[in-house]
């Protein structure tokens, strides 16, 4: 399986790009978000890849970072969300925005993507509410992601952890530091943890942010 491609951008169009790796051109399907971050033709480019192999096709789906790829993998586990719809969602919402939409159960945000109706949006928000904790806050590293999973199994819902950490990020704190203090607070509060409690404890630990 192909997991990553590094080469030069040969060409691109709506939803796709051809990446030249050592003289071989790989057709990669990408979200609009990923394509918007690509350099010009002939310049170096790198994408993380999800490979789909079936009897009649071999498709590569490319992502600007591993976080976007992880969200794609999570999205397509939902019934009604295929490869194209998964890319469409990632084309209109960043990983952080998807996380925030799930935490807030914001159906309108999800239905902005082509091919996503109210029923599919409801499934996404419902089915991913717990699963999303594993990749909370997008670019946070695997160590912190594991920490979230470990802490939340002690009694705190991943959705509660996500929402509290997201609120701190929106206030201007870094993702890693926000997730770190929130997961520590979640472990301390256990079953009694709420979003408000985690935010307040996080603010206490992180200190003022110029306001």
C-alpha atoms as a PDB file:
ATOM      1  CA  UNK A   1       0.000   0.000   0.000  1.00  0.00           C
ATOM      2  CA  UNK A   2       1.115   3.551  -0.705  1.00  0.00           C
ATOM      3  CA  UNK A   3       1.116   5.683   2.468  1.00  0.00           C
ATOM      4  CA  UNK A   4       2.902   8.841   1.287  1.00  0.00           C
ATOM      5  CA  UNK A   5       4.096  10.423  -1.939  1.00  0.00           C
ATOM      6  CA  UNK A   6       6.874  13.002  -2.312  1.00  0.00           C
ATOM      7  CA  UNK A   7       7.643  14.423  -5.727  1.00  0.00           C
ATOM      8  CA  UNK A   8       6.763  17.353  -7.961  1.00  0.00           C
ATOM      9  CA  UNK A   9       3.338  18.607  -8.978  1.00  0.00           C
ATOM     10  CA  UNK A  10       2.774  17.644 -12.616  1.00  0.00           C
ATOM     11  CA  UNK A  11      -0.789  18.957 -12.998  1.00  0.00           C
ATOM     12  CA  UNK A  12      -4.022  19.396 -11.071  1.00  0.00           C
ATOM     13  CA  UNK A  13      -7.734  19.976 -11.577  1.00  0.00           C
ATOM     14  CA  UNK A  14     -11.038  19.876  -9.733  1.00  0.00           C
ATOM     15  CA  UNK A  15     -10.568  17.210  -7.060  1.00  0.00           C
ATOM     16  CA  UNK A  16      -7.349  15.685  -8.383  1.00  0.00           C
ATOM     17  CA  UNK A  17      -3.629  16.126  -8.904  1.00  0.00           C
ATOM     18  CA  UNK A  18      -0.881  14.223 -10.694  1.00  0.00           C
ATOM     19  CA  UNK A  19       2.324  13.918  -8.688  1.00  0.00           C
ATOM     20  CA  UNK A  20       5.518  12.987 -10.496  1.00  0.00           C
ATOM     21  CA  UNK A  21       7.667  10.662  -8.394  1.00  0.00           C
ATOM     22  CA  UNK A  22      10.835   9.625 -10.196  1.00  0.00           C
ATOM     23  CA  UNK A  23       9.212   9.915 -13.614  1.00  0.00           C
ATOM     24  CA  UNK A  24       6.031   8.075 -12.646  1.00  0.00           C
ATOM     25  CA  UNK A  25       2.857  10.159 -12.486  1.00  0.00           C
ATOM     26  CA  UNK A  26       0.450   9.224  -9.689  1.00  0.00           C
ATOM     27  CA  UNK A  27      -3.165  10.371  -9.974  1.00  0.00           C
ATOM     28  CA  UNK A  28      -4.292  11.406  -6.505  1.00  0.00           C
ATOM     29  CA  UNK A  29      -7.801  12.506  -5.544  1.00  0.00           C
ATOM     30  CA  UNK A  30      -7.716  15.386  -3.053  1.00  0.00           C
ATOM     31  CA  UNK A  31     -10.008  17.728  -1.142  1.00  0.00           C
ATOM     32  CA  UNK A  32     -10.198  21.359  -2.173  1.00  0.00           C
ATOM     33  CA  UNK A  33      -8.458  22.232   1.082  1.00  0.00           C
ATOM     34  CA  UNK A  34      -5.452  20.095   0.215  1.00  0.00           C
ATOM     35  CA  UNK A  35      -5.330  21.333  -3.382  1.00  0.00           C
ATOM     36  CA  UNK A  36      -5.396  24.959  -2.216  1.00  0.00           C
ATOM     37  CA  UNK A  37      -2.186  24.361  -0.273  1.00  0.00           C
ATOM     38  CA  UNK A  38      -0.276  22.859  -3.196  1.00  0.00           C
ATOM     39  CA  UNK A  39       2.595  24.815  -4.780  1.00  0.00           C
ATOM     40  CA  UNK A  40       2.846  25.615  -8.488  1.00  0.00           C
ATOM     41  CA  UNK A  41       3.360  23.044 -11.238  1.00  0.00           C
ATOM     42  CA  UNK A  42       6.896  21.689 -11.195  1.00  0.00           C
ATOM     43  CA  UNK A  43       7.456  22.436  -7.518  1.00  0.00           C
ATOM     44  CA  UNK A  44       8.003  19.929  -4.711  1.00  0.00           C
ATOM     45  CA  UNK A  45       4.918  18.519  -3.049  1.00  0.00           C
ATOM     46  CA  UNK A  46       4.182  15.855  -0.442  1.00  0.00           C
ATOM     47  CA  UNK A  47       0.900  14.174   0.385  1.00  0.00           C
ATOM     48  CA  UNK A  48      -0.183  11.550   2.874  1.00  0.00           C
ATOM     49  CA  UNK A  49      -2.091   8.841   1.051  1.00  0.00           C
ATOM     50  CA  UNK A  50      -5.031   6.561   1.717  1.00  0.00           C
ATOM     51  CA  UNK A  51      -5.057   3.673  -0.784  1.00  0.00           C
ATOM     52  CA  UNK A  52      -8.328   2.067  -1.844  1.00  0.00           C
ATOM     53  CA  UNK A  53      -7.983  -1.193  -3.742  1.00  0.00           C
ATOM     54  CA  UNK A  54     -10.906  -3.036  -5.289  1.00  0.00           C
ATOM     55  CA  UNK A  55     -11.198  -5.650  -8.013  1.00  0.00           C
ATOM     56  CA  UNK A  56     -11.847  -3.022 -10.668  1.00  0.00           C
ATOM     57  CA  UNK A  57      -9.945   0.002  -9.362  1.00  0.00           C
ATOM     58  CA  UNK A  58      -6.860   1.277  -7.536  1.00  0.00           C
ATOM     59  CA  UNK A  59      -7.450   4.787  -6.188  1.00  0.00           C
ATOM     60  CA  UNK A  60      -5.162   7.061  -4.211  1.00  0.00           C
ATOM     61  CA  UNK A  61      -6.572   9.783  -1.962  1.00  0.00           C
ATOM     62  CA  UNK A  62      -4.116  12.481  -0.930  1.00  0.00           C
ATOM     63  CA  UNK A  63      -4.079  14.750   2.119  1.00  0.00           C
ATOM     64  CA  UNK A  64      -1.947  17.716   3.094  1.00  0.00           C
ATOM     65  CA  UNK A  65      -1.227  16.238   6.535  1.00  0.00           C
ATOM     66  CA  UNK A  66      -1.810  13.088   8.548  1.00  0.00           C
ATOM     67  CA  UNK A  67      -4.553  14.735  10.602  1.00  0.00           C
ATOM     68  CA  UNK A  68      -6.708  15.330   7.527  1.00  0.00           C
ATOM     69  CA  UNK A  69      -6.107  11.726   6.481  1.00  0.00           C
ATOM     70  CA  UNK A  70      -7.147  10.488   9.929  1.00  0.00           C
ATOM     71  CA  UNK A  71     -10.379  12.465   9.745  1.00  0.00           C
ATOM     72  CA  UNK A  72     -11.050  11.081   6.274  1.00  0.00           C
ATOM     73  CA  UNK A  73     -10.626   7.538   7.574  1.00  0.00           C
ATOM     74  CA  UNK A  74     -13.038   8.318  10.402  1.00  0.00           C
ATOM     75  CA  UNK A  75     -15.638   9.998   8.189  1.00  0.00           C
ATOM     76  CA  UNK A  76     -15.906   7.122   5.718  1.00  0.00           C
ATOM     77  CA  UNK A  77     -16.791   4.718   8.529  1.00  0.00           C
ATOM     78  CA  UNK A  78     -20.198   6.424   8.638  1.00  0.00           C
ATOM     79  CA  UNK A  79     -22.908   4.890   6.461  1.00  0.00           C
ATOM     80  CA  UNK A  80     -23.597   7.135   3.483  1.00  0.00           C
ATOM     81  CA  UNK A  81     -20.155   8.746   3.525  1.00  0.00           C
ATOM     82  CA  UNK A  82     -18.096   7.396   0.649  1.00  0.00           C
ATOM     83  CA  UNK A  83     -14.775   8.565  -0.704  1.00  0.00           C
ATOM     84  CA  UNK A  84     -16.191  11.549  -2.618  1.00  0.00           C
ATOM     85  CA  UNK A  85     -18.377  12.743   0.235  1.00  0.00           C
ATOM     86  CA  UNK A  86     -15.511  12.403   2.704  1.00  0.00           C
ATOM     87  CA  UNK A  87     -13.342  14.624   0.498  1.00  0.00           C
ATOM     88  CA  UNK A  88     -16.219  17.071   0.047  1.00  0.00           C
ATOM     89  CA  UNK A  89     -16.551  17.480   3.815  1.00  0.00           C
ATOM     90  CA  UNK A  90     -12.824  18.037   4.211  1.00  0.00           C
ATOM     91  CA  UNK A  91     -12.984  20.523   1.364  1.00  0.00           C
ATOM     92  CA  UNK A  92     -15.305  22.876   3.242  1.00  0.00           C
ATOM     93  CA  UNK A  93     -14.322  22.183   6.851  1.00  0.00           C
ATOM     94  CA  UNK A  94     -10.859  21.908   8.371  1.00  0.00           C
ATOM     95  CA  UNK A  95     -10.248  19.075  10.867  1.00  0.00           C
ATOM     96  CA  UNK A  96     -10.621  21.540  13.753  1.00  0.00           C
ATOM     97  CA  UNK A  97     -13.918  22.815  12.338  1.00  0.00           C
ATOM     98  CA  UNK A  98     -15.239  19.269  11.970  1.00  0.00           C
ATOM     99  CA  UNK A  99     -14.284  18.576  15.557  1.00  0.00           C
ATOM    100  CA  UNK A 100     -16.058  21.726  16.729  1.00  0.00           C
ATOM    101  CA  UNK A 101     -19.150  20.865  14.685  1.00  0.00           C
ATOM    102  CA  UNK A 102     -19.283  17.419  16.286  1.00  0.00           C
ATOM    103  CA  UNK A 103     -18.804  18.837  19.772  1.00  0.00           C
ATOM    104  CA  UNK A 104     -21.567  21.402  19.182  1.00  0.00           C
ATOM    105  CA  UNK A 105     -23.730  18.942  17.193  1.00  0.00           C
ATOM    106  CA  UNK A 106     -23.868  21.559  14.428  1.00  0.00           C
ATOM    107  CA  UNK A 107     -25.734  19.859  11.581  1.00  0.00           C
ATOM    108  CA  UNK A 108     -25.758  22.999   9.414  1.00  0.00           C
ATOM    109  CA  UNK A 109     -21.953  23.074   9.285  1.00  0.00           C
ATOM    110  CA  UNK A 110     -21.740  19.481   8.035  1.00  0.00           C
ATOM    111  CA  UNK A 111     -24.445  19.934   5.377  1.00  0.00           C
ATOM    112  CA  UNK A 112     -22.361  22.650   3.721  1.00  0.00           C
ATOM    113  CA  UNK A 113     -20.524  19.841   1.922  1.00  0.00           C
ATOM    114  CA  UNK A 114     -21.875  18.602  -1.396  1.00  0.00           C
ATOM    115  CA  UNK A 115     -23.646  15.281  -1.066  1.00  0.00           C
ATOM    116  CA  UNK A 116     -24.359  15.621   2.659  1.00  0.00           C
ATOM    117  CA  UNK A 117     -28.035  15.839   3.531  1.00  0.00           C
ATOM    118  CA  UNK A 118     -29.629  16.169   6.978  1.00  0.00           C
ATOM    119  CA  UNK A 119     -29.796  12.401   7.559  1.00  0.00           C
ATOM    120  CA  UNK A 120     -26.145  11.790   6.728  1.00  0.00           C
ATOM    121  CA  UNK A 121     -25.113  14.837   8.767  1.00  0.00           C
ATOM    122  CA  UNK A 122     -27.030  13.489  11.766  1.00  0.00           C
ATOM    123  CA  UNK A 123     -25.278  10.119  11.424  1.00  0.00           C
ATOM    124  CA  UNK A 124     -21.888  11.811  11.295  1.00  0.00           C
ATOM    125  CA  UNK A 125     -22.565  13.893  14.396  1.00  0.00           C
ATOM    126  CA  UNK A 126     -24.016  10.947  16.316  1.00  0.00           C
ATOM    127  CA  UNK A 127     -21.615   8.173  15.338  1.00  0.00           C
ATOM    128  CA  UNK A 128     -18.426  10.231  15.565  1.00  0.00           C
ATOM    129  CA  UNK A 129     -19.154  12.019  18.833  1.00  0.00           C
ATOM    130  CA  UNK A 130     -17.240   9.426  20.848  1.00  0.00           C
ATOM    131  CA  UNK A 131     -14.765   8.270  18.188  1.00  0.00           C
ATOM    132  CA  UNK A 132     -13.511  11.781  17.448  1.00  0.00           C
ATOM    133  CA  UNK A 133     -11.688  11.931  20.788  1.00  0.00           C
ATOM    134  CA  UNK A 134      -8.888   9.801  19.343  1.00  0.00           C
ATOM    135  CA  UNK A 135      -7.829  12.606  16.989  1.00  0.00           C
ATOM    136  CA  UNK A 136      -9.024  15.582  19.013  1.00  0.00           C
ATOM    137  CA  UNK A 137      -7.642  18.983  18.075  1.00  0.00           C
ATOM    138  CA  UNK A 138      -6.306  18.006  14.686  1.00  0.00           C
ATOM    139  CA  UNK A 139      -2.540  18.402  14.644  1.00  0.00           C
ATOM    140  CA  UNK A 140      -1.893  17.230  18.203  1.00  0.00           C
ATOM    141  CA  UNK A 141       0.705  14.449  18.148  1.00  0.00           C
ATOM    142  CA  UNK A 142       0.076  10.785  18.687  1.00  0.00           C
ATOM    143  CA  UNK A 143       1.327  10.880  22.275  1.00  0.00           C
ATOM    144  CA  UNK A 144      -1.322  13.382  23.305  1.00  0.00           C
ATOM    145  CA  UNK A 145      -3.961  11.557  21.271  1.00  0.00           C
ATOM    146  CA  UNK A 146      -3.166   8.405  23.210  1.00  0.00           C
ATOM    147  CA  UNK A 147      -3.340  10.409  26.407  1.00  0.00           C
ATOM    148  CA  UNK A 148      -6.854  11.570  25.548  1.00  0.00           C
ATOM    149  CA  UNK A 149      -7.994   8.013  24.961  1.00  0.00           C
ATOM    150  CA  UNK A 150      -6.433   6.826  28.214  1.00  0.00           C
ATOM    151  CA  UNK A 151      -7.896   9.649  30.298  1.00  0.00           C
ATOM    152  CA  UNK A 152     -11.373   9.506  28.808  1.00  0.00           C
ATOM    153  CA  UNK A 153     -11.728   5.797  29.461  1.00  0.00           C
ATOM    154  CA  UNK A 154     -11.466   6.682  33.124  1.00  0.00           C
ATOM    155  CA  UNK A 155     -14.951   8.217  32.940  1.00  0.00           C
ATOM    156  CA  UNK A 156     -14.797  11.450  30.972  1.00  0.00           C
ATOM    157  CA  UNK A 157     -16.457  11.524  27.554  1.00  0.00           C
ATOM    158  CA  UNK A 158     -14.062  12.313  24.679  1.00  0.00           C
ATOM    159  CA  UNK A 159     -16.651  14.818  23.416  1.00  0.00           C
ATOM    160  CA  UNK A 160     -16.426  16.734  26.707  1.00  0.00           C
ATOM    161  CA  UNK A 161     -12.643  16.771  26.484  1.00  0.00           C
ATOM    162  CA  UNK A 162     -12.778  17.903  22.853  1.00  0.00           C
ATOM    163  CA  UNK A 163     -15.212  20.725  23.512  1.00  0.00           C
ATOM    164  CA  UNK A 164     -13.267  22.084  26.489  1.00  0.00           C
ATOM    165  CA  UNK A 165      -9.931  21.939  24.681  1.00  0.00           C
ATOM    166  CA  UNK A 166     -11.481  23.521  21.582  1.00  0.00           C
ATOM    167  CA  UNK A 167     -12.795  26.389  23.689  1.00  0.00           C
ATOM    168  CA  UNK A 168      -9.309  27.064  25.051  1.00  0.00           C
ATOM    169  CA  UNK A 169      -7.855  27.009  21.540  1.00  0.00           C
ATOM    170  CA  UNK A 170     -10.485  29.532  20.459  1.00  0.00           C
ATOM    171  CA  UNK A 171      -9.338  31.743  23.321  1.00  0.00           C
ATOM    172  CA  UNK A 172      -5.840  31.783  21.867  1.00  0.00           C
ATOM    173  CA  UNK A 173      -4.014  28.966  23.638  1.00  0.00           C
ATOM    174  CA  UNK A 174      -1.950  26.425  21.712  1.00  0.00           C
ATOM    175  CA  UNK A 175      -3.531  23.093  20.785  1.00  0.00           C
ATOM    176  CA  UNK A 176      -1.007  20.950  22.600  1.00  0.00           C
ATOM    177  CA  UNK A 177      -1.066  22.943  25.816  1.00  0.00           C
ATOM    178  CA  UNK A 178      -4.875  23.148  25.771  1.00  0.00           C
ATOM    179  CA  UNK A 179      -5.277  19.418  25.278  1.00  0.00           C
ATOM    180  CA  UNK A 180      -2.645  18.645  27.886  1.00  0.00           C
ATOM    181  CA  UNK A 181      -4.258  20.648  30.707  1.00  0.00           C
ATOM    182  CA  UNK A 182      -7.749  19.487  29.773  1.00  0.00           C
ATOM    183  CA  UNK A 183      -6.860  15.790  29.775  1.00  0.00           C
ATOM    184  CA  UNK A 184      -5.119  16.210  33.127  1.00  0.00           C
ATOM    185  CA  UNK A 185      -8.195  17.955  34.517  1.00  0.00           C
ATOM    186  CA  UNK A 186     -10.451  15.250  33.055  1.00  0.00           C
ATOM    187  CA  UNK A 187      -8.429  12.578  34.839  1.00  0.00           C
ATOM    188  CA  UNK A 188      -8.731  14.482  38.103  1.00  0.00           C
ATOM    189  CA  UNK A 189     -12.480  15.082  37.842  1.00  0.00           C
ATOM    190  CA  UNK A 190     -13.328  11.646  36.450  1.00  0.00           C
ATOM    191  CA  UNK A 191     -17.080  11.056  36.196  1.00  0.00           C
ATOM    192  CA  UNK A 192     -17.741  14.551  37.560  1.00  0.00           C
ATOM    193  CA  UNK A 193     -16.003  16.284  34.656  1.00  0.00           C
ATOM    194  CA  UNK A 194     -18.036  18.810  32.686  1.00  0.00           C
ATOM    195  CA  UNK A 195     -17.049  21.191  29.909  1.00  0.00           C
ATOM    196  CA  UNK A 196     -17.276  24.197  32.248  1.00  0.00           C
ATOM    197  CA  UNK A 197     -15.156  22.539  34.922  1.00  0.00           C
ATOM    198  CA  UNK A 198     -12.461  21.557  32.436  1.00  0.00           C
ATOM    199  CA  UNK A 199     -12.353  25.034  30.888  1.00  0.00           C
ATOM    200  CA  UNK A 200     -12.094  26.735  34.278  1.00  0.00           C
ATOM    201  CA  UNK A 201      -9.345  24.379  35.416  1.00  0.00           C
ATOM    202  CA  UNK A 202      -7.554  24.850  32.107  1.00  0.00           C
ATOM    203  CA  UNK A 203      -7.645  28.644  32.451  1.00  0.00           C
ATOM    204  CA  UNK A 204      -6.368  28.325  36.007  1.00  0.00           C
ATOM    205  CA  UNK A 205      -3.421  26.171  34.881  1.00  0.00           C
ATOM    206  CA  UNK A 206      -2.572  28.145  31.745  1.00  0.00           C
ATOM    207  CA  UNK A 207      -2.879  31.618  33.239  1.00  0.00           C
ATOM    208  CA  UNK A 208      -4.066  34.864  31.600  1.00  0.00           C
ATOM    209  CA  UNK A 209      -3.881  35.355  27.839  1.00  0.00           C
ATOM    210  CA  UNK A 210      -3.799  39.090  27.629  1.00  0.00           C
ATOM    211  CA  UNK A 211      -7.437  39.728  28.446  1.00  0.00           C
END
